[in-house]
Amino acid sequence: MRKYQDIEAKELSKAFDPEQYVVVDVRTDEEYQEGHIPGAAHIPYDEMENRFHELEHAKDKPVLLVCRSGRRSVIAAEVLAQKGFEQLFNLKGGMLEWNGPVSKE
């Protein structure tokens, strides 16, 4: 059984509330710098196993995982599920389909 839920990027970007989720971008440094959802934490998916503790404050909150297309974020969601996170959401379609706000800061 999957430990995360998919959320369509096109749908979420229409009515995105940054207070609703702890957003975690799991792309590479270069991809993140090119543009990310404002306020997103940045932990590349291949570092999640060693850096998940940085998200301990969000263990009981909805966590939205974001990558380019929605594949790497699934891997990150599976890691966080193994670490006890329960409210995990995968941005299906990723930044390729995201039409909401983007930051380069």
N, C-alpha and C. Protein backbone atom coordinates (compact mmCIF):
# COMPACT_ATOMS: atom_id res chain seq x y z
N MET A 1 0.83 -1.19 0.00
CA MET A 1 0.00 0.00 0.00
C MET A 1 0.88 1.25 0.00
N ARG A 2 0.52 2.21 -0.84
CA ARG A 2 1.28 3.46 -0.91
C ARG A 2 1.11 4.27 0.36
N LYS A 3 2.17 4.91 0.75
CA LYS A 3 2.17 5.72 1.97
C LYS A 3 2.05 7.21 1.65
N TYR A 4 1.72 7.55 0.43
CA TYR A 4 1.59 8.94 0.03
C TYR A 4 0.40 9.07 -0.92
N GLN A 5 -0.05 10.30 -1.12
CA GLN A 5 -1.13 10.58 -2.06
C GLN A 5 -0.58 11.45 -3.19
N ASP A 6 -1.06 11.20 -4.39
CA ASP A 6 -0.71 12.05 -5.52
C ASP A 6 -1.65 13.25 -5.55
N ILE A 7 -1.08 14.41 -5.86
CA ILE A 7 -1.87 15.62 -6.10
C ILE A 7 -1.45 16.14 -7.47
N GLU A 8 -2.41 16.39 -8.34
CA GLU A 8 -2.12 16.89 -9.68
C GLU A 8 -1.55 18.31 -9.60
N ALA A 9 -0.40 18.52 -10.21
CA ALA A 9 0.25 19.83 -10.19
C ALA A 9 -0.64 20.91 -10.78
N LYS A 10 -1.29 20.61 -11.89
CA LYS A 10 -2.14 21.61 -12.55
C LYS A 10 -3.28 22.05 -11.63
N GLU A 11 -3.86 21.10 -10.90
CA GLU A 11 -4.97 21.42 -10.00
C GLU A 11 -4.50 22.21 -8.79
N LEU A 12 -3.42 21.75 -8.16
CA LEU A 12 -2.94 22.40 -6.94
C LEU A 12 -2.44 23.81 -7.23
N SER A 13 -1.81 24.02 -8.38
CA SER A 13 -1.26 25.34 -8.67
C SER A 13 -2.36 26.40 -8.84
N LYS A 14 -3.58 25.97 -9.13
CA LYS A 14 -4.69 26.92 -9.28
C LYS A 14 -5.11 27.51 -7.93
N ALA A 15 -5.03 26.73 -6.88
CA ALA A 15 -5.50 27.18 -5.56
C ALA A 15 -4.48 26.84 -4.48
N PHE A 16 -3.22 27.12 -4.75
CA PHE A 16 -2.17 26.74 -3.82
C PHE A 16 -2.13 27.68 -2.62
N ASP A 17 -2.13 27.08 -1.43
CA ASP A 17 -2.00 27.82 -0.18
C ASP A 17 -0.71 27.36 0.48
N PRO A 18 0.33 28.20 0.51
CA PRO A 18 1.61 27.77 1.06
C PRO A 18 1.56 27.43 2.55
N GLU A 19 0.50 27.87 3.23
CA GLU A 19 0.36 27.55 4.65
C GLU A 19 -0.16 26.12 4.85
N GLN A 20 -0.69 25.53 3.81
CA GLN A 20 -1.32 24.21 3.91
C GLN A 20 -0.30 23.07 3.95
N TYR A 21 0.87 23.27 3.36
CA TYR A 21 1.87 22.21 3.25
C TYR A 21 3.25 22.69 3.68
N VAL A 22 4.06 21.73 4.11
CA VAL A 22 5.49 21.94 4.20
C VAL A 22 6.00 21.42 2.86
N VAL A 23 6.50 22.32 2.03
CA VAL A 23 6.92 21.96 0.67
C VAL A 23 8.40 21.60 0.69
N VAL A 24 8.73 20.44 0.09
CA VAL A 24 10.11 19.99 0.02
C VAL A 24 10.44 19.68 -1.43
N ASP A 25 11.39 20.43 -1.98
CA ASP A 25 11.85 20.24 -3.36
C ASP A 25 13.01 19.25 -3.32
N VAL A 26 12.89 18.15 -4.06
CA VAL A 26 13.90 17.09 -3.99
C VAL A 26 14.78 17.03 -5.25
N ARG A 27 14.76 18.10 -6.04
CA ARG A 27 15.57 18.14 -7.25
C ARG A 27 17.03 18.49 -6.93
N THR A 28 17.85 18.53 -7.96
CA THR A 28 19.26 18.90 -7.80
C THR A 28 19.38 20.37 -7.43
N ASP A 29 20.55 20.76 -6.96
CA ASP A 29 20.80 22.17 -6.63
C ASP A 29 20.53 23.07 -7.84
N GLU A 30 21.01 22.65 -9.00
CA GLU A 30 20.85 23.46 -10.21
C GLU A 30 19.37 23.63 -10.56
N GLU A 31 18.61 22.55 -10.50
CA GLU A 31 17.18 22.63 -10.81
C GLU A 31 16.46 23.55 -9.83
N TYR A 32 16.80 23.42 -8.55
CA TYR A 32 16.17 24.24 -7.51
C TYR A 32 16.43 25.72 -7.76
N GLN A 33 17.67 26.05 -8.11
CA GLN A 33 18.05 27.44 -8.34
C GLN A 33 17.37 28.03 -9.58
N GLU A 34 17.00 27.18 -10.53
CA GLU A 34 16.32 27.66 -11.74
C GLU A 34 14.90 28.12 -11.44
N GLY A 35 14.33 27.67 -10.33
CA GLY A 35 12.99 28.07 -9.93
C GLY A 35 12.31 26.98 -9.13
N HIS A 36 11.70 27.39 -8.01
CA HIS A 36 11.03 26.44 -7.11
C HIS A 36 9.79 27.10 -6.52
N ILE A 37 8.96 26.30 -5.89
CA ILE A 37 7.78 26.83 -5.21
C ILE A 37 8.27 27.69 -4.04
N PRO A 38 7.77 28.92 -3.92
CA PRO A 38 8.23 29.80 -2.84
C PRO A 38 8.10 29.15 -1.46
N GLY A 39 9.16 29.28 -0.67
CA GLY A 39 9.17 28.73 0.68
C GLY A 39 9.55 27.27 0.77
N ALA A 40 9.83 26.64 -0.36
CA ALA A 40 10.17 25.21 -0.36
C ALA A 40 11.52 24.96 0.29
N ALA A 41 11.56 23.96 1.15
CA ALA A 41 12.84 23.46 1.65
C ALA A 41 13.50 22.70 0.50
N HIS A 42 14.82 22.56 0.55
CA HIS A 42 15.51 21.86 -0.53
C HIS A 42 16.36 20.74 0.04
N ILE A 43 15.93 19.51 -0.26
CA ILE A 43 16.70 18.32 0.11
C ILE A 43 16.67 17.39 -1.11
N PRO A 44 17.77 17.29 -1.88
CA PRO A 44 17.77 16.39 -3.03
C PRO A 44 17.36 14.97 -2.62
N TYR A 45 16.59 14.31 -3.49
CA TYR A 45 16.03 13.01 -3.14
C TYR A 45 17.09 12.00 -2.74
N ASP A 46 18.27 12.06 -3.37
CA ASP A 46 19.30 11.08 -3.05
C ASP A 46 20.02 11.39 -1.73
N GLU A 47 19.65 12.50 -1.09
CA GLU A 47 20.19 12.83 0.23
C GLU A 47 19.14 12.67 1.33
N MET A 48 17.92 12.31 0.95
CA MET A 48 16.81 12.25 1.91
C MET A 48 17.08 11.27 3.05
N GLU A 49 17.66 10.14 2.74
CA GLU A 49 17.94 9.13 3.77
C GLU A 49 18.80 9.71 4.89
N ASN A 50 19.76 10.56 4.54
CA ASN A 50 20.67 11.12 5.54
C ASN A 50 20.22 12.46 6.10
N ARG A 51 19.25 13.11 5.44
CA ARG A 51 18.86 14.46 5.87
C ARG A 51 17.41 14.58 6.32
N PHE A 52 16.67 13.46 6.40
CA PHE A 52 15.25 13.52 6.75
C PHE A 52 15.02 14.21 8.09
N HIS A 53 16.02 14.13 8.99
CA HIS A 53 15.88 14.74 10.32
C HIS A 53 15.64 16.25 10.23
N GLU A 54 16.02 16.87 9.11
CA GLU A 54 15.78 18.30 8.92
C GLU A 54 14.29 18.61 8.83
N LEU A 55 13.48 17.58 8.63
CA LEU A 55 12.04 17.74 8.51
C LEU A 55 11.28 17.25 9.74
N GLU A 56 11.99 16.91 10.80
CA GLU A 56 11.33 16.39 12.01
C GLU A 56 10.21 17.31 12.48
N HIS A 57 10.39 18.63 12.35
CA HIS A 57 9.37 19.59 12.77
C HIS A 57 8.06 19.42 12.00
N ALA A 58 8.13 18.75 10.86
CA ALA A 58 6.96 18.59 9.99
C ALA A 58 6.37 17.19 10.03
N LYS A 59 6.81 16.38 10.96
CA LYS A 59 6.39 14.97 10.98
C LYS A 59 4.87 14.81 11.10
N ASP A 60 4.21 15.75 11.78
CA ASP A 60 2.76 15.65 11.95
C ASP A 60 2.00 16.63 11.06
N LYS A 61 2.67 17.14 10.02
CA LYS A 61 2.05 18.10 9.11
C LYS A 61 2.02 17.52 7.69
N PRO A 62 1.16 18.08 6.83
CA PRO A 62 1.17 17.64 5.43
C PRO A 62 2.47 18.08 4.74
N VAL A 63 3.17 17.12 4.15
CA VAL A 63 4.43 17.39 3.47
C VAL A 63 4.22 17.15 1.97
N LEU A 64 4.47 18.18 1.18
CA LEU A 64 4.33 18.10 -0.27
C LEU A 64 5.71 17.96 -0.88
N LEU A 65 5.95 16.84 -1.57
CA LEU A 65 7.24 16.56 -2.19
C LEU A 65 7.18 16.89 -3.68
N VAL A 66 8.21 17.61 -4.13
CA VAL A 66 8.21 18.16 -5.49
C VAL A 66 9.51 17.81 -6.20
N CYS A 67 9.40 17.41 -7.48
CA CYS A 67 10.58 17.26 -8.33
C CYS A 67 10.21 17.77 -9.72
N ARG A 68 10.96 17.40 -10.73
CA ARG A 68 10.69 17.90 -12.08
C ARG A 68 9.41 17.31 -12.65
N SER A 69 9.25 15.98 -12.52
CA SER A 69 8.11 15.32 -13.16
C SER A 69 7.23 14.51 -12.21
N GLY A 70 7.70 14.26 -10.99
CA GLY A 70 6.91 13.48 -10.04
C GLY A 70 7.48 12.10 -9.76
N ARG A 71 8.63 11.77 -10.30
CA ARG A 71 9.24 10.45 -10.07
C ARG A 71 10.17 10.44 -8.86
N ARG A 72 11.08 11.39 -8.81
CA ARG A 72 12.02 11.43 -7.68
C ARG A 72 11.30 11.74 -6.38
N SER A 73 10.23 12.52 -6.47
CA SER A 73 9.48 12.84 -5.26
C SER A 73 8.81 11.60 -4.68
N VAL A 74 8.46 10.63 -5.51
CA VAL A 74 7.91 9.37 -5.01
C VAL A 74 8.96 8.63 -4.19
N ILE A 75 10.19 8.61 -4.68
CA ILE A 75 11.28 7.95 -3.95
C ILE A 75 11.47 8.63 -2.60
N ALA A 76 11.46 9.95 -2.58
CA ALA A 76 11.60 10.70 -1.33
C ALA A 76 10.43 10.41 -0.39
N ALA A 77 9.23 10.32 -0.93
CA ALA A 77 8.05 10.02 -0.11
C ALA A 77 8.18 8.65 0.54
N GLU A 78 8.70 7.69 -0.19
CA GLU A 78 8.87 6.35 0.36
C GLU A 78 9.89 6.35 1.50
N VAL A 79 10.96 7.13 1.36
CA VAL A 79 11.95 7.24 2.43
C VAL A 79 11.31 7.86 3.67
N LEU A 80 10.59 8.96 3.49
CA LEU A 80 9.97 9.64 4.63
C LEU A 80 8.91 8.76 5.29
N ALA A 81 8.18 7.98 4.51
CA ALA A 81 7.18 7.07 5.08
C ALA A 81 7.87 6.05 5.99
N GLN A 82 9.02 5.55 5.57
CA GLN A 82 9.77 4.59 6.40
C GLN A 82 10.25 5.23 7.69
N LYS A 83 10.40 6.56 7.68
CA LYS A 83 10.88 7.29 8.87
C LYS A 83 9.73 7.75 9.75
N GLY A 84 8.51 7.37 9.42
CA GLY A 84 7.37 7.68 10.28
C GLY A 84 6.52 8.87 9.88
N PHE A 85 6.81 9.49 8.74
CA PHE A 85 5.97 10.58 8.27
C PHE A 85 4.68 9.98 7.70
N GLU A 86 3.55 10.58 8.02
CA GLU A 86 2.28 9.99 7.63
C GLU A 86 1.46 10.81 6.64
N GLN A 87 1.65 12.12 6.60
CA GLN A 87 0.86 12.97 5.71
C GLN A 87 1.74 13.41 4.54
N LEU A 88 1.95 12.49 3.61
CA LEU A 88 2.85 12.74 2.48
C LEU A 88 2.07 12.89 1.18
N PHE A 89 2.46 13.89 0.41
CA PHE A 89 1.81 14.18 -0.86
C PHE A 89 2.86 14.34 -1.95
N ASN A 90 2.61 13.71 -3.09
CA ASN A 90 3.51 13.79 -4.24
C ASN A 90 2.89 14.72 -5.27
N LEU A 91 3.66 15.71 -5.72
CA LEU A 91 3.18 16.62 -6.75
C LEU A 91 3.29 15.91 -8.10
N LYS A 92 2.19 15.30 -8.52
CA LYS A 92 2.17 14.53 -9.77
C LYS A 92 2.29 15.49 -10.96
N GLY A 93 3.24 15.22 -11.82
CA GLY A 93 3.51 16.11 -12.95
C GLY A 93 4.64 17.07 -12.63
N GLY A 94 4.94 17.21 -11.33
CA GLY A 94 6.07 18.01 -10.88
C GLY A 94 6.08 19.44 -11.38
N MET A 95 7.27 20.01 -11.40
CA MET A 95 7.43 21.41 -11.82
C MET A 95 7.13 21.58 -13.31
N LEU A 96 7.19 20.49 -14.08
CA LEU A 96 6.84 20.58 -15.50
C LEU A 96 5.40 21.02 -15.68
N GLU A 97 4.52 20.63 -14.74
CA GLU A 97 3.10 20.94 -14.86
C GLU A 97 2.65 22.01 -13.88
N TRP A 98 3.55 22.50 -13.06
CA TRP A 98 3.21 23.51 -12.05
C TRP A 98 2.99 24.86 -12.72
N ASN A 99 1.84 25.47 -12.47
CA ASN A 99 1.52 26.78 -13.03
C ASN A 99 1.41 27.84 -11.94
N GLY A 100 1.76 27.48 -10.72
CA GLY A 100 1.67 28.42 -9.61
C GLY A 100 2.91 29.29 -9.51
N PRO A 101 3.04 30.00 -8.39
CA PRO A 101 4.18 30.90 -8.21
C PRO A 101 5.51 30.15 -8.17
N VAL A 102 6.55 30.82 -8.67
CA VAL A 102 7.90 30.25 -8.69
C VAL A 102 8.87 31.31 -8.18
N SER A 103 9.83 30.86 -7.38
CA SER A 103 10.84 31.76 -6.82
C SER A 103 12.22 31.31 -7.26
N LYS A 104 13.13 32.25 -7.39
CA LYS A 104 14.53 31.92 -7.70
C LYS A 104 15.43 32.33 -6.55
N GLU A 105 14.85 32.69 -5.42
CA GLU A 105 15.63 33.12 -4.24
C GLU A 105 16.11 31.93 -3.45
